[in-house]
N, C-alpha and C. Protein backbone atom coordinates (compact mmCIF):
# COMPACT_ATOMS: atom_id res chain seq x y z
N MET A 1 -4.05 -2.18 -11.40
CA MET A 1 -4.60 -3.16 -10.65
C MET A 1 -5.72 -3.84 -11.50
N ALA A 2 -6.26 -3.24 -12.51
CA ALA A 2 -7.38 -3.68 -13.28
C ALA A 2 -6.76 -4.69 -14.26
N ASP A 3 -5.68 -4.33 -14.75
CA ASP A 3 -4.97 -5.26 -15.65
C ASP A 3 -4.63 -6.74 -15.09
N ILE A 4 -4.23 -6.65 -13.95
CA ILE A 4 -3.94 -7.85 -12.97
C ILE A 4 -5.26 -8.57 -12.68
N TYR A 5 -6.30 -8.01 -12.32
CA TYR A 5 -7.59 -8.70 -12.29
C TYR A 5 -8.20 -9.19 -13.49
N ARG A 6 -8.06 -8.47 -14.62
CA ARG A 6 -8.39 -9.25 -15.75
C ARG A 6 -7.93 -10.61 -16.21
N ASN A 7 -6.60 -10.84 -15.67
CA ASN A 7 -5.81 -11.93 -15.90
C ASN A 7 -6.19 -13.05 -14.74
N LEU A 8 -6.82 -12.83 -13.79
CA LEU A 8 -7.17 -13.72 -12.73
C LEU A 8 -8.38 -14.51 -13.13
N PRO A 9 -8.41 -15.82 -12.51
CA PRO A 9 -9.34 -16.92 -13.00
C PRO A 9 -10.91 -16.37 -13.00
N GLY A 10 -11.26 -15.45 -12.10
CA GLY A 10 -12.52 -15.00 -11.79
C GLY A 10 -13.46 -15.96 -11.07
N LYS A 11 -12.85 -16.88 -10.44
CA LYS A 11 -13.72 -18.07 -9.79
C LYS A 11 -14.35 -17.45 -8.67
N ASP A 12 -13.82 -16.52 -7.86
CA ASP A 12 -14.29 -16.01 -6.75
C ASP A 12 -14.71 -17.11 -5.68
N CYS A 13 -13.86 -18.05 -5.62
CA CYS A 13 -14.02 -19.35 -4.77
C CYS A 13 -14.29 -19.19 -3.42
N GLY A 14 -14.13 -18.08 -2.77
CA GLY A 14 -14.33 -17.86 -1.39
C GLY A 14 -15.57 -17.06 -1.15
N LYS A 15 -16.44 -16.73 -2.14
CA LYS A 15 -17.45 -15.93 -2.30
C LYS A 15 -18.57 -16.70 -1.32
N GLY A 16 -19.32 -16.09 -0.41
CA GLY A 16 -20.39 -16.53 0.32
C GLY A 16 -19.90 -17.34 1.59
N GLY A 17 -18.53 -16.95 2.09
CA GLY A 17 -18.03 -17.51 3.11
C GLY A 17 -17.37 -18.83 3.14
N LYS A 18 -17.25 -19.30 1.82
CA LYS A 18 -16.63 -20.51 1.58
C LYS A 18 -15.10 -20.38 1.85
N GLN A 19 -14.38 -21.25 2.16
CA GLN A 19 -12.87 -21.40 2.35
C GLN A 19 -12.33 -21.46 0.80
N SER A 20 -11.51 -20.34 0.55
CA SER A 20 -10.70 -20.45 -0.64
C SER A 20 -9.26 -20.96 -0.47
N PRO A 21 -8.63 -21.49 -1.48
CA PRO A 21 -7.33 -21.90 -1.47
C PRO A 21 -6.39 -20.86 -1.06
N CYS A 22 -6.69 -19.50 -1.61
CA CYS A 22 -5.80 -18.24 -1.36
C CYS A 22 -6.03 -17.66 -0.11
N GLY A 23 -7.31 -17.99 0.60
CA GLY A 23 -7.59 -17.30 1.82
C GLY A 23 -8.46 -16.10 1.66
N LEU A 24 -8.59 -15.73 0.45
CA LEU A 24 -9.53 -14.39 0.09
C LEU A 24 -10.78 -14.72 -0.61
N PRO A 25 -11.84 -13.82 -0.35
CA PRO A 25 -13.16 -14.20 -0.73
C PRO A 25 -13.34 -14.20 -2.32
N MET A 26 -12.78 -13.21 -2.76
CA MET A 26 -12.93 -12.91 -4.27
C MET A 26 -11.57 -12.55 -5.00
N CYS A 27 -11.67 -12.84 -6.33
CA CYS A 27 -10.43 -12.50 -7.02
C CYS A 27 -10.03 -11.22 -6.95
N LYS A 28 -10.84 -10.19 -6.86
CA LYS A 28 -10.48 -8.74 -6.67
C LYS A 28 -9.74 -8.42 -5.52
N ASP A 29 -9.94 -9.23 -4.57
CA ASP A 29 -9.47 -9.15 -3.22
C ASP A 29 -7.85 -9.66 -3.32
N PHE A 30 -7.51 -10.24 -4.21
CA PHE A 30 -6.19 -10.93 -4.47
C PHE A 30 -5.19 -9.79 -5.04
N THR A 31 -5.45 -8.84 -5.64
CA THR A 31 -4.63 -7.94 -6.41
C THR A 31 -3.74 -7.12 -5.31
N LYS A 32 -4.32 -6.64 -4.42
CA LYS A 32 -3.76 -5.73 -3.45
C LYS A 32 -2.61 -6.39 -2.65
N PRO A 33 -3.05 -7.67 -2.26
CA PRO A 33 -1.88 -8.46 -1.46
C PRO A 33 -0.93 -8.96 -2.36
N LEU A 34 -1.16 -9.20 -3.67
CA LEU A 34 -0.05 -9.49 -4.65
C LEU A 34 0.95 -8.55 -4.66
N LEU A 35 0.41 -7.24 -4.98
CA LEU A 35 1.26 -5.90 -5.23
C LEU A 35 2.01 -5.75 -3.99
N LYS A 36 1.67 -5.93 -2.95
CA LYS A 36 2.23 -5.83 -1.53
C LYS A 36 3.19 -7.02 -1.45
N GLY A 37 3.23 -8.13 -1.90
CA GLY A 37 3.99 -9.16 -1.70
C GLY A 37 3.63 -9.89 -0.81
N ASP A 38 2.31 -9.89 -0.31
CA ASP A 38 1.81 -10.79 0.78
C ASP A 38 1.15 -11.97 0.13
N LYS A 39 1.03 -11.97 -1.19
CA LYS A 39 0.47 -13.43 -2.05
C LYS A 39 1.40 -13.60 -3.21
N THR A 40 1.38 -14.66 -3.61
CA THR A 40 2.16 -14.88 -4.79
C THR A 40 1.24 -15.54 -5.82
N LEU A 41 1.70 -15.38 -7.04
CA LEU A 41 0.91 -16.13 -8.12
C LEU A 41 0.53 -17.49 -7.98
N TYR A 42 1.28 -18.10 -7.23
CA TYR A 42 1.28 -19.54 -6.81
C TYR A 42 0.16 -19.84 -5.83
N ASP A 43 -0.29 -18.82 -5.09
CA ASP A 43 -1.29 -18.95 -4.15
C ASP A 43 -2.63 -19.31 -4.66
N CYS A 44 -2.95 -19.03 -6.01
CA CYS A 44 -3.99 -19.33 -6.62
C CYS A 44 -3.89 -20.71 -7.36
N PRO A 45 -4.60 -21.65 -7.00
CA PRO A 45 -4.34 -22.95 -7.96
C PRO A 45 -5.15 -23.12 -9.17
N PHE A 46 -5.98 -22.05 -9.45
CA PHE A 46 -6.81 -22.11 -10.53
C PHE A 46 -6.25 -21.27 -11.74
N MET A 47 -5.06 -20.47 -11.45
CA MET A 47 -4.54 -19.71 -12.45
C MET A 47 -3.88 -20.42 -13.62
N GLU A 48 -4.05 -20.13 -14.74
CA GLU A 48 -3.52 -20.91 -15.94
C GLU A 48 -1.91 -20.19 -16.04
N ASP A 49 -1.05 -21.01 -16.77
CA ASP A 49 0.26 -20.43 -16.85
C ASP A 49 0.42 -19.25 -17.80
N ASP A 50 -0.50 -19.18 -18.73
CA ASP A 50 -0.51 -17.97 -19.67
C ASP A 50 -0.99 -16.70 -18.83
N ASP A 51 -1.98 -16.86 -18.05
CA ASP A 51 -2.39 -15.62 -17.21
C ASP A 51 -1.34 -15.33 -16.17
N ARG A 52 -0.68 -16.39 -15.77
CA ARG A 52 0.45 -16.03 -14.66
C ARG A 52 1.65 -15.39 -15.32
N GLN A 53 1.92 -15.66 -16.55
CA GLN A 53 3.03 -14.96 -17.31
C GLN A 53 2.49 -13.48 -17.76
N ALA A 54 1.28 -13.31 -17.94
CA ALA A 54 0.87 -12.10 -18.38
C ALA A 54 1.00 -11.16 -17.09
N ILE A 55 0.40 -11.72 -15.88
CA ILE A 55 0.63 -10.99 -14.80
C ILE A 55 2.02 -10.45 -14.30
N ILE A 56 2.96 -11.52 -14.57
CA ILE A 56 4.47 -11.16 -14.42
C ILE A 56 4.74 -9.99 -15.16
N LEU A 57 4.38 -9.85 -16.36
CA LEU A 57 4.89 -8.71 -17.07
C LEU A 57 4.28 -7.49 -16.69
N ILE A 58 3.00 -7.63 -16.27
CA ILE A 58 2.35 -6.46 -15.72
C ILE A 58 3.04 -5.95 -14.50
N LEU A 59 3.40 -6.88 -13.64
CA LEU A 59 4.08 -6.67 -12.29
C LEU A 59 5.45 -5.89 -12.67
N GLU A 60 6.16 -6.51 -13.65
CA GLU A 60 7.37 -6.01 -14.02
C GLU A 60 7.39 -4.50 -14.39
N ASP A 61 6.33 -4.23 -15.17
CA ASP A 61 6.09 -2.83 -15.58
C ASP A 61 5.66 -2.05 -14.27
N TYR A 62 5.03 -2.46 -13.55
CA TYR A 62 4.53 -1.75 -12.32
C TYR A 62 5.51 -1.44 -11.39
N TYR A 63 6.47 -2.31 -11.28
CA TYR A 63 7.73 -1.90 -10.47
C TYR A 63 8.73 -1.24 -11.08
N LYS A 64 8.75 -1.28 -12.37
CA LYS A 64 9.83 -0.22 -13.01
C LYS A 64 9.57 1.21 -12.77
N GLY A 65 8.29 1.45 -12.64
CA GLY A 65 7.79 2.84 -12.23
C GLY A 65 7.40 3.51 -13.38
């Protein structure tokens, strides 16, 4: 999960009770729902394409076992 977190934008846009686009307070909270399939990489509007591609590779390795 740390590899995924390192590739997230790190804006923590929901911190302090603000409404975030993904519905979660901090980027670290995004990783578990992403792994479970409850969130997609497109739920974060701040994610850059290169970071999205890096996470896709990480997830492919994760699900290969």
